[in-house]
Protein backbone atom coordinates (compact mmCIF):
# COMPACT_ATOMS: atom_id res chain seq x y z
CA MET A 1 18.75 -36.58 2.00
CA ALA A 2 21.04 -37.94 4.58
CA VAL A 3 20.96 -36.05 7.79
CA VAL A 4 25.55 -35.12 8.80
CA THR A 5 26.37 -36.64 12.59
CA THR A 6 29.20 -37.30 14.12
CA VAL A 7 30.91 -40.71 15.52
CA GLU A 8 29.56 -39.90 19.53
CA ARG A 9 25.56 -40.11 18.02
CA LEU A 10 25.50 -43.33 15.89
CA SER A 11 24.02 -45.24 17.99
CA GLU A 12 20.70 -42.86 17.60
CA HIS A 13 21.27 -42.98 13.23
CA VAL A 14 21.45 -47.32 13.57
CA GLY A 15 19.73 -48.67 10.31
CA GLN A 16 19.65 -44.62 8.57
CA THR A 17 21.62 -43.41 5.88
CA VAL A 18 24.23 -40.51 7.92
CA THR A 19 27.24 -38.56 6.06
CA LEU A 20 30.21 -38.18 8.58
CA GLN A 21 33.13 -35.18 8.42
CA GLY A 22 35.95 -36.69 9.13
CA TRP A 23 40.44 -37.15 8.50
CA ILE A 24 41.44 -40.55 8.26
CA TYR A 25 43.10 -41.92 10.83
CA ALA A 26 44.12 -45.26 9.85
CA ARG A 27 43.09 -47.24 6.63
CA THR A 28 43.29 -50.63 4.75
CA SER A 29 43.35 -51.52 0.92
CA LYS A 30 42.70 -55.64 0.09
CA GLY A 31 41.68 -55.40 -3.59
CA LYS A 32 38.35 -54.37 -4.44
CA LEU A 33 38.15 -53.23 -0.75
CA HIS A 34 38.93 -50.22 1.80
CA PHE A 35 39.29 -49.76 5.08
CA VAL A 36 39.31 -46.54 6.37
CA GLN A 37 39.03 -45.35 9.85
CA LEU A 38 37.39 -42.17 10.22
CA ARG A 39 37.62 -39.66 13.18
CA ASP A 40 36.26 -36.67 13.39
CA GLY A 41 36.96 -35.61 17.29
CA THR A 42 34.16 -37.30 19.41
CA GLY A 43 35.03 -41.09 18.39
CA VAL A 44 36.38 -43.46 15.25
CA VAL A 45 34.51 -45.59 13.13
CA GLN A 46 35.49 -47.94 10.68
CA CYS A 47 33.81 -47.08 7.36
CA VAL A 48 34.08 -49.64 4.89
CA LEU A 49 34.28 -48.97 0.89
CA PHE A 50 33.17 -51.41 -2.21
CA ALA A 51 33.82 -50.60 -4.72
CA LYS A 52 30.85 -51.86 -7.30
CA ASN A 53 29.11 -50.13 -4.25
CA VAL A 54 30.62 -46.41 -4.39
CA SER A 55 31.86 -44.80 -7.62
CA PRO A 56 34.87 -45.97 -8.76
CA GLU A 57 36.52 -41.97 -8.45
CA LEU A 58 35.89 -41.96 -4.48
CA PHE A 59 36.96 -45.30 -4.53
CA GLU A 60 40.00 -44.16 -6.34
CA ALA A 61 40.62 -40.93 -4.23
CA VAL A 62 40.39 -42.60 -0.86
CA ALA A 63 43.02 -45.88 -2.58
CA GLY A 64 45.46 -42.14 -2.97
CA ALA A 65 45.23 -40.71 0.46
CA GLY A 66 47.39 -41.25 3.39
CA GLN A 67 46.49 -40.82 6.94
CA GLU A 68 44.67 -37.57 7.78
CA SER A 69 43.47 -36.85 5.02
CA SER A 70 40.38 -35.30 4.93
CA LEU A 71 37.01 -36.68 3.80
CA VAL A 72 33.06 -36.96 4.64
CA LEU A 73 31.32 -40.00 3.46
CA THR A 74 27.65 -41.08 3.50
CA GLY A 75 27.12 -44.86 3.89
CA GLU A 76 24.42 -46.52 5.52
CA VAL A 77 25.47 -47.12 9.85
CA LYS A 78 25.33 -50.85 11.29
CA ALA A 79 25.71 -52.06 14.78
CA ASP A 80 28.31 -54.53 14.34
CA GLU A 81 30.22 -55.65 17.91
CA ARG A 82 32.66 -56.14 16.28
CA ALA A 83 33.29 -53.27 15.12
CA PRO A 84 35.67 -50.33 16.85
CA GLY A 85 32.76 -48.78 18.89
CA GLY A 86 30.56 -51.03 17.50
CA PHE A 87 29.31 -49.49 14.93
CA GLU A 88 30.35 -49.58 10.56
CA ILE A 89 28.76 -47.85 8.19
CA GLY A 90 28.85 -48.70 4.83
CA VAL A 91 29.95 -45.50 2.18
CA SER A 92 28.24 -45.29 -0.87
CA GLU A 93 29.83 -41.68 -1.77
CA GLY A 94 31.72 -39.23 -1.07
CA ARG A 95 34.74 -37.01 -1.52
CA VAL A 96 38.62 -36.71 -0.50
CA LEU A 97 39.04 -33.38 0.61
CA GLN A 98 42.37 -33.31 0.74
CA ALA A 99 44.71 -35.68 0.35
CA VAL A 100 48.30 -35.64 2.66
CA ASP A 101 50.69 -37.51 2.00
CA GLY A 102 53.79 -38.13 4.58
CA TYR A 103 52.14 -37.42 7.51
CA PRO A 104 54.77 -36.99 10.66
CA ILE A 105 53.07 -38.16 13.30
CA THR A 106 53.76 -42.23 11.48
CA PRO A 107 52.18 -45.64 14.05
CA LYS A 108 55.54 -46.39 15.56
CA GLU A 109 57.99 -45.13 18.22
CA HIS A 110 58.50 -41.47 18.52
CA GLY A 111 60.99 -39.73 20.66
CA THR A 112 58.72 -37.44 23.42
CA ASP A 113 61.02 -34.44 22.20
CA PHE A 114 60.02 -35.05 18.30
CA LEU A 115 55.60 -35.71 19.42
CA LEU A 116 56.57 -32.23 21.72
CA ASN A 117 57.57 -30.37 19.00
CA HIS A 118 54.62 -31.44 16.81
CA ARG A 119 52.47 -30.94 19.57
CA HIS A 120 49.90 -29.57 17.07
CA LEU A 121 49.59 -33.06 15.30
CA TRP A 122 50.26 -35.47 17.88
CA LEU A 123 46.91 -33.66 20.17
CA ARG A 124 45.21 -35.85 16.81
CA SER A 125 46.15 -39.37 18.58
CA ARG A 126 43.95 -41.38 20.13
CA ARG A 127 45.94 -41.10 23.42
CA GLN A 128 45.79 -37.38 23.39
CA TRP A 129 42.49 -37.40 22.43
CA ALA A 130 41.29 -39.75 24.75
CA ILE A 131 43.13 -36.87 27.80
CA MET A 132 41.25 -33.50 25.96
CA ARG A 133 38.74 -34.29 26.31
CA LEU A 134 38.60 -35.82 29.71
CA ARG A 135 39.69 -32.79 30.52
CA ASP A 136 37.01 -30.72 28.94
CA GLY A 137 34.60 -33.87 30.77
CA ILE A 138 36.58 -32.63 34.37
CA VAL A 139 36.25 -28.75 33.33
CA THR A 140 33.01 -29.42 32.94
CA ALA A 141 32.09 -31.48 36.90
CA LEU A 142 33.96 -28.65 38.43
CA ARG A 143 32.31 -25.88 37.73
CA GLY A 144 29.08 -27.63 37.72
CA PHE A 145 30.22 -28.70 41.49
CA PHE A 146 30.23 -25.20 42.33
CA ASP A 147 27.32 -24.47 40.62
CA GLN A 148 24.62 -26.50 42.06
CA ARG A 149 26.30 -25.60 45.14
CA GLY A 150 25.60 -21.53 44.63
CA PHE A 151 29.26 -20.50 44.05
CA VAL A 152 30.06 -17.26 41.29
CA CYS A 153 32.52 -17.11 39.15
CA VAL A 154 35.11 -14.68 39.74
CA ASP A 155 38.00 -14.72 38.01
CA SER A 156 40.40 -13.17 38.60
CA PRO A 157 43.02 -10.53 37.11
CA MET A 158 46.24 -12.11 35.33
CA PHE A 159 48.65 -9.26 35.30
CA THR A 160 49.24 -8.17 39.44
CA PRO A 161 51.91 -5.66 41.24
CA ASN A 162 52.62 -8.23 43.66
CA ALA A 163 53.61 -11.63 44.63
CA CYS A 164 50.96 -13.57 46.44
CA GLU A 165 53.25 -16.88 46.47
CA GLY A 166 56.83 -15.36 47.26
CA THR A 167 58.46 -13.19 45.06
CA SER A 168 62.03 -15.67 43.59
CA THR A 169 58.70 -17.20 41.22
CA LEU A 170 57.21 -14.29 39.47
CA PHE A 171 57.82 -13.93 35.54
CA SER A 172 57.61 -10.33 35.54
CA VAL A 173 56.38 -7.95 32.50
CA ASP A 174 56.90 -4.20 31.27
CA TYR A 175 53.00 -2.83 31.83
CA PHE A 176 54.22 0.61 30.48
CA GLY A 177 57.02 1.41 31.95
CA ASP A 178 55.72 -0.43 35.45
CA THR A 179 57.07 -3.67 36.04
CA ALA A 180 54.05 -5.79 36.51
CA TYR A 181 53.36 -9.89 37.15
CA LEU A 182 51.77 -12.65 35.60
CA THR A 183 49.09 -14.20 38.04
CA GLN A 184 51.26 -17.55 41.04
CA SER A 185 47.07 -17.01 41.72
CA GLY A 186 43.95 -15.59 42.03
CA GLN A 187 43.64 -16.20 45.38
CA LEU A 188 43.86 -12.28 47.12
CA TYR A 189 41.30 -11.64 44.65
CA ALA A 190 38.59 -14.09 45.15
CA GLU A 191 39.53 -12.87 48.72
CA ALA A 192 37.68 -9.86 47.92
CA SER A 193 34.97 -10.94 45.56
CA ALA A 194 33.88 -13.65 48.79
CA MET A 195 33.43 -10.02 50.53
CA ALA A 196 31.14 -8.88 48.13
CA LEU A 197 29.19 -12.77 46.83
CA GLY A 198 29.66 -14.76 49.51
CA LYS A 199 31.11 -18.46 47.67
CA VAL A 200 32.10 -17.87 44.21
CA TYR A 201 36.06 -19.25 42.44
CA CYS A 202 37.55 -18.03 40.09
CA PHE A 203 39.30 -20.52 37.23
CA GLY A 204 42.52 -19.68 34.42
CA PRO A 205 45.65 -19.58 34.07
CA THR A 206 47.83 -19.27 36.11
CA PHE A 207 52.41 -18.48 35.56
CA ARG A 208 55.09 -20.15 37.75
CA ALA A 209 58.12 -19.16 37.36
CA GLU A 210 60.25 -22.56 38.94
CA LYS A 211 63.15 -24.37 37.40
CA SER A 212 61.93 -27.35 37.58
CA LYS A 213 62.01 -30.44 34.94
CA THR A 214 60.13 -33.14 36.79
CA ARG A 215 56.63 -34.71 35.67
CA ARG A 216 54.28 -32.97 38.13
CA HIS A 217 55.84 -28.59 37.31
CA LEU A 218 54.82 -26.47 34.75
CA THR A 219 55.26 -22.95 33.90
CA GLU A 220 52.24 -21.77 33.96
CA PHE A 221 48.69 -24.43 34.63
CA TRP A 222 45.23 -23.37 34.89
CA MET A 223 44.09 -23.14 38.37
CA LEU A 224 41.11 -23.84 40.30
CA GLU A 225 40.44 -21.29 43.39
CA PRO A 226 36.64 -21.40 45.74
CA GLU A 227 36.94 -19.22 48.60
CA VAL A 228 33.90 -18.92 51.00
CA ALA A 229 33.03 -16.62 53.36
CA PHE A 230 32.16 -17.48 57.16
CA ALA A 231 34.13 -20.80 55.74
CA ASP A 232 37.14 -22.77 59.05
CA LEU A 233 39.25 -24.71 58.47
CA ASP A 234 36.90 -28.00 58.04
CA ASP A 235 34.71 -26.59 55.68
CA VAL A 236 37.50 -26.09 53.82
CA MET A 237 38.47 -29.75 53.72
CA GLN A 238 35.38 -30.66 53.33
CA LEU A 239 34.18 -28.81 50.33
CA ALA A 240 37.48 -30.48 48.93
CA GLU A 241 36.76 -34.07 49.11
CA ASP A 242 32.94 -33.08 47.95
CA MET A 243 34.58 -31.75 45.45
CA ILE A 244 36.93 -34.46 44.78
CA VAL A 245 34.29 -37.54 44.47
CA HIS A 246 31.35 -35.80 42.80
CA VAL A 247 34.50 -34.87 40.45
CA VAL A 248 35.82 -38.18 39.61
CA GLY A 249 31.71 -40.11 39.80
CA GLU A 250 30.94 -37.55 36.84
CA VAL A 251 34.05 -38.58 34.91
CA LEU A 252 33.32 -42.41 35.37
CA ARG A 253 29.72 -41.98 34.63
CA ARG A 254 30.64 -39.49 31.33
CA ARG A 255 34.31 -40.29 30.17
CA ARG A 256 34.61 -43.88 30.37
CA THR A 257 35.40 -44.60 27.34
CA GLU A 258 37.87 -42.48 26.53
CA LEU A 259 39.36 -43.76 29.92
CA GLU A 260 39.40 -47.00 28.30
CA VAL A 261 41.37 -45.66 25.82
CA LEU A 262 44.12 -44.99 28.38
CA GLU A 263 43.74 -48.34 29.45
CA ARG A 264 42.66 -46.85 33.74
CA ASP A 265 42.99 -49.25 36.07
CA LEU A 266 38.38 -47.99 36.68
CA SER A 267 38.96 -50.17 40.44
CA LYS A 268 41.27 -47.01 41.12
CA LEU A 269 38.94 -44.34 40.80
CA GLU A 270 35.66 -45.84 41.96
CA ALA A 271 38.02 -46.31 45.33
CA ILE A 272 37.55 -42.13 45.47
CA GLN A 273 34.66 -42.33 47.68
CA GLY A 274 34.08 -40.59 51.28
CA PRO A 275 34.88 -39.93 53.58
CA PHE A 276 38.55 -38.93 53.29
CA PRO A 277 41.48 -39.52 56.17
CA ARG A 278 42.12 -36.66 57.78
CA ILE A 279 45.51 -36.60 59.19
CA THR A 280 48.15 -33.61 61.32
CA TYR A 281 51.33 -33.04 59.89
CA ASP A 282 52.22 -34.73 63.01
CA GLU A 283 50.72 -36.93 62.28
CA ALA A 284 52.20 -37.12 58.76
CA ALA A 285 55.21 -37.26 60.15
CA LYS A 286 55.13 -39.52 61.85
CA ILE A 287 53.99 -42.30 59.00
CA LEU A 288 57.99 -40.76 57.15
CA ALA A 289 60.09 -40.98 60.50
CA ASP A 290 58.86 -44.65 60.70
CA HIS A 291 60.02 -45.14 57.00
CA PRO A 292 63.70 -46.15 56.25
CA GLU A 293 63.62 -44.58 53.13
CA SER A 294 63.01 -41.32 53.78
CA GLU A 295 65.03 -38.58 54.45
CA PHE A 296 62.16 -36.43 56.09
CA VAL A 297 63.39 -33.64 58.34
CA TYR A 298 61.02 -32.68 60.72
CA GLY A 299 59.80 -28.67 60.58
CA ASP A 300 60.05 -28.66 56.85
CA ASP A 301 57.51 -29.01 54.05
CA PHE A 302 57.35 -32.23 52.60
CA GLY A 303 58.70 -32.79 49.21
CA ALA A 304 57.87 -35.12 46.05
CA PRO A 305 59.14 -38.82 47.99
CA ASP A 306 57.83 -37.63 51.38
CA GLU A 307 53.98 -36.94 49.73
CA THR A 308 54.79 -40.68 47.92
CA ILE A 309 55.56 -42.08 51.26
CA ILE A 310 52.15 -40.71 52.87
CA SER A 311 49.89 -41.72 50.43
CA SER A 312 51.30 -45.06 50.06
CA HIS A 313 49.40 -45.33 53.32
CA PHE A 314 45.59 -45.19 52.63
CA ASP A 315 43.06 -46.38 49.57
CA ARG A 316 41.87 -42.90 48.77
CA PRO A 317 42.97 -39.06 48.78
CA VAL A 318 44.40 -37.93 52.59
CA LEU A 319 43.65 -34.88 53.51
CA VAL A 320 47.00 -33.60 56.19
CA HIS A 321 46.15 -30.10 57.27
CA ARG A 322 47.72 -28.07 60.32
CA TYR A 323 51.67 -27.04 58.94
CA PRO A 324 54.70 -25.87 60.55
CA ALA A 325 53.83 -21.47 60.16
CA ALA A 326 56.93 -21.28 59.15
CA VAL A 327 56.46 -23.35 55.51
CA LYS A 328 52.82 -21.37 54.86
CA ALA A 329 52.19 -18.44 53.13
CA PHE A 330 52.15 -15.20 54.84
CA TYR A 331 48.32 -15.42 55.39
CA MET A 332 46.72 -18.64 55.90
CA LYS A 333 45.98 -17.80 59.96
CA ARG A 334 46.93 -19.37 62.87
CA ASP A 335 45.60 -22.31 65.20
CA PRO A 336 45.12 -20.32 68.02
CA GLU A 337 45.20 -23.95 70.88
CA ASP A 338 49.04 -24.42 68.33
CA GLU A 339 51.27 -21.01 67.14
CA THR A 340 52.82 -22.73 65.76
CA LYS A 341 50.88 -24.83 63.48
CA ALA A 342 48.83 -23.15 60.31
CA LEU A 343 45.52 -23.57 59.41
CA ALA A 344 46.79 -24.69 56.57
CA VAL A 345 45.19 -28.51 54.27
CA ASP A 346 47.51 -30.48 51.50
CA LEU A 347 44.69 -33.24 50.01
CA LEU A 348 47.53 -36.06 48.42
CA GLY A 349 46.34 -37.74 46.01
CA THR A 350 46.31 -41.73 44.99
CA GLU A 351 48.57 -43.61 42.73
CA GLY A 352 51.90 -41.67 43.91
CA VAL A 353 49.97 -38.53 42.33
CA GLY A 354 51.53 -35.30 45.64
CA GLU A 355 48.85 -33.12 45.97
CA LEU A 356 46.33 -32.14 44.21
CA ILE A 357 45.15 -29.08 46.16
CA GLY A 358 46.45 -26.09 48.98
CA GLY A 359 44.20 -24.86 50.93
CA SER A 360 44.00 -22.59 54.17
CA GLN A 361 42.06 -20.89 56.71
CA ARG A 362 43.27 -17.79 55.91
CA GLU A 363 44.62 -15.13 58.92
CA ASP A 364 41.06 -12.68 58.78
CA ASP A 365 42.79 -10.57 62.05
CA LEU A 366 44.03 -6.82 60.24
CA ASP A 367 47.01 -6.22 63.14
CA VAL A 368 48.06 -10.19 62.75
CA LEU A 369 48.41 -9.65 58.73
CA LEU A 370 50.13 -6.20 59.07
CA GLY A 371 52.48 -8.27 61.63
CA ARG A 372 53.13 -11.06 59.04
CA ILE A 373 53.75 -8.46 55.63
CA ARG A 374 56.14 -6.17 58.05
CA GLU A 375 57.64 -10.06 59.19
CA HIS A 376 57.93 -11.38 55.23
CA GLU A 377 58.58 -7.80 54.19
CA LEU A 378 56.84 -7.67 51.73
CA PRO A 379 55.48 -4.23 49.87
CA GLN A 380 52.86 -2.91 52.81
CA GLU A 381 51.40 -0.13 50.53
CA ALA A 382 50.82 -3.20 47.49
CA PHE A 383 48.85 -4.58 49.64
CA GLU A 384 46.83 -2.34 51.17
CA TRP A 385 43.56 -2.91 48.76
CA TYR A 386 43.64 -6.51 50.71
CA LEU A 387 44.04 -5.17 54.02
CA ASP A 388 41.07 -3.08 53.46
CA LEU A 389 39.40 -6.75 53.53
CA ARG A 390 40.08 -7.33 57.49
CA ARG A 391 39.30 -2.83 57.64
CA TYR A 392 35.41 -3.38 56.67
CA GLY A 393 33.89 -6.24 57.65
CA SER A 394 36.21 -8.92 58.25
CA VAL A 395 34.61 -12.41 58.44
CA PRO A 396 36.27 -15.75 59.00
CA HIS A 397 37.14 -17.04 55.51
CA GLY A 398 39.19 -19.96 53.47
CA GLY A 399 39.62 -21.90 50.34
CA PHE A 400 42.92 -23.40 48.27
CA GLY A 401 43.55 -24.11 44.88
CA LEU A 402 43.17 -27.36 42.48
CA GLY A 403 45.93 -27.49 39.33
CA LEU A 404 43.48 -28.53 36.95
CA GLU A 405 46.77 -30.10 35.18
CA ARG A 406 48.11 -32.82 37.81
CA PHE A 407 44.31 -33.06 38.59
CA VAL A 408 43.25 -34.06 35.15
CA ALA A 409 46.80 -36.14 35.19
CA TRP A 410 45.18 -38.14 38.17
CA ILE A 411 42.15 -39.50 36.80
CA ALA A 412 43.60 -40.41 33.16
CA GLY A 413 46.75 -42.42 34.82
CA VAL A 414 49.02 -40.46 33.02
CA PRO A 415 53.04 -40.32 34.22
CA HIS A 416 53.44 -36.28 33.31
CA VAL A 417 52.33 -33.11 33.40
CA ARG A 418 52.71 -31.88 30.04
CA GLU A 419 50.17 -34.40 28.46
CA ALA A 420 47.29 -32.85 30.38
CA SER A 421 47.83 -29.68 29.20
CA PRO A 422 47.09 -28.45 25.15
CA PHE A 423 50.06 -26.78 23.94
CA PRO A 424 52.19 -27.29 27.82
CA ARG A 425 54.84 -25.02 28.78
CA MET A 426 57.87 -26.03 30.31
CA MET A 427 61.62 -24.14 31.99
CA THR A 428 62.67 -25.98 28.54
CA ARG A 429 59.54 -25.07 26.05
CA LEU A 430 58.03 -22.37 24.86
CA SER A 431 56.23 -23.42 21.08
CA PRO A 432 54.14 -24.62 19.89
């Protein structure tokens, strides 16, 4: 009896008869011969059906089966360097489960709106398949990195009673008569978890009601947020660097096939090695001041064009730290050597991707934090639990946030984050 296997494991079965279950990615026929490109979620393999080697019923059924027809095929695995993936199946038997006619996404150019309207089907294409498997590999590598370093995953709630990153980008929802908000960040709760467990991370969906239509923004995205007790800004920067280097290395090792499908320039990823350059906000501002096309005004936060200019000076990600406190969040600690600066850091990726990571050392002094909450006109009662972290055993601590989709898009080399999400949510898109 033939063993049921997958395309990615065919190398284990050369010379054996196996059964594959999947869909027709493409088919060409020449007289008494069918060439079927079968995809099964793990890869694509060419299956060859000779009329003399299979039943007339199977041969005719395949002849009438269009793109994305589902089928089961059994045959011998043959190594063939000319075939896609290096293997070919000489089919001896099988059956068509459903013959499809008129599949909407054909091998021709389709507009972006059309493809996004059919996202549930677009995911089956070779490029989208590669991106989703790459995303999975990145998530696995991220979790592995933190597991190896003794971090505990403690996820933060999706419903929150208050803002974390500012009230202008909140999605509000009715919560049994009260108003709740979809979380912008799990950080504040991660801080509480870190005070209990030392080193933690949360990893889940976050929501920003930004009216932005840029290629870098989604209204719903996944965020990974580590938080570490007894850590300063230098510790945060080193953790971010080590994480990026680890993940890129793992992806190159475990997802090279997918990167090749995407025609990714692997040399760009192979260059992602430590140490990363570290520059201050003032040093970055000097780069912008010397650039003829920059419209940057000192004291502002960096926009996307600014980040592109800064990162273009380096062949690997760059850590920019000590931003003006006025443009950063209330919970960020001030630099004791310059109270106008926050102990904040952004990691800017290569190839114009912009900010991949934003982090900081957190303010650990109760009185200072109380003053910041009043200064930002935030409701103190909503933050009493957060202030308790400074009342009972406060320690220096810090962390950062990594937006998964932007990170995936960067590693995949795709221009828009919408392709890095299985079902992207944007300002103008809520379906499918």
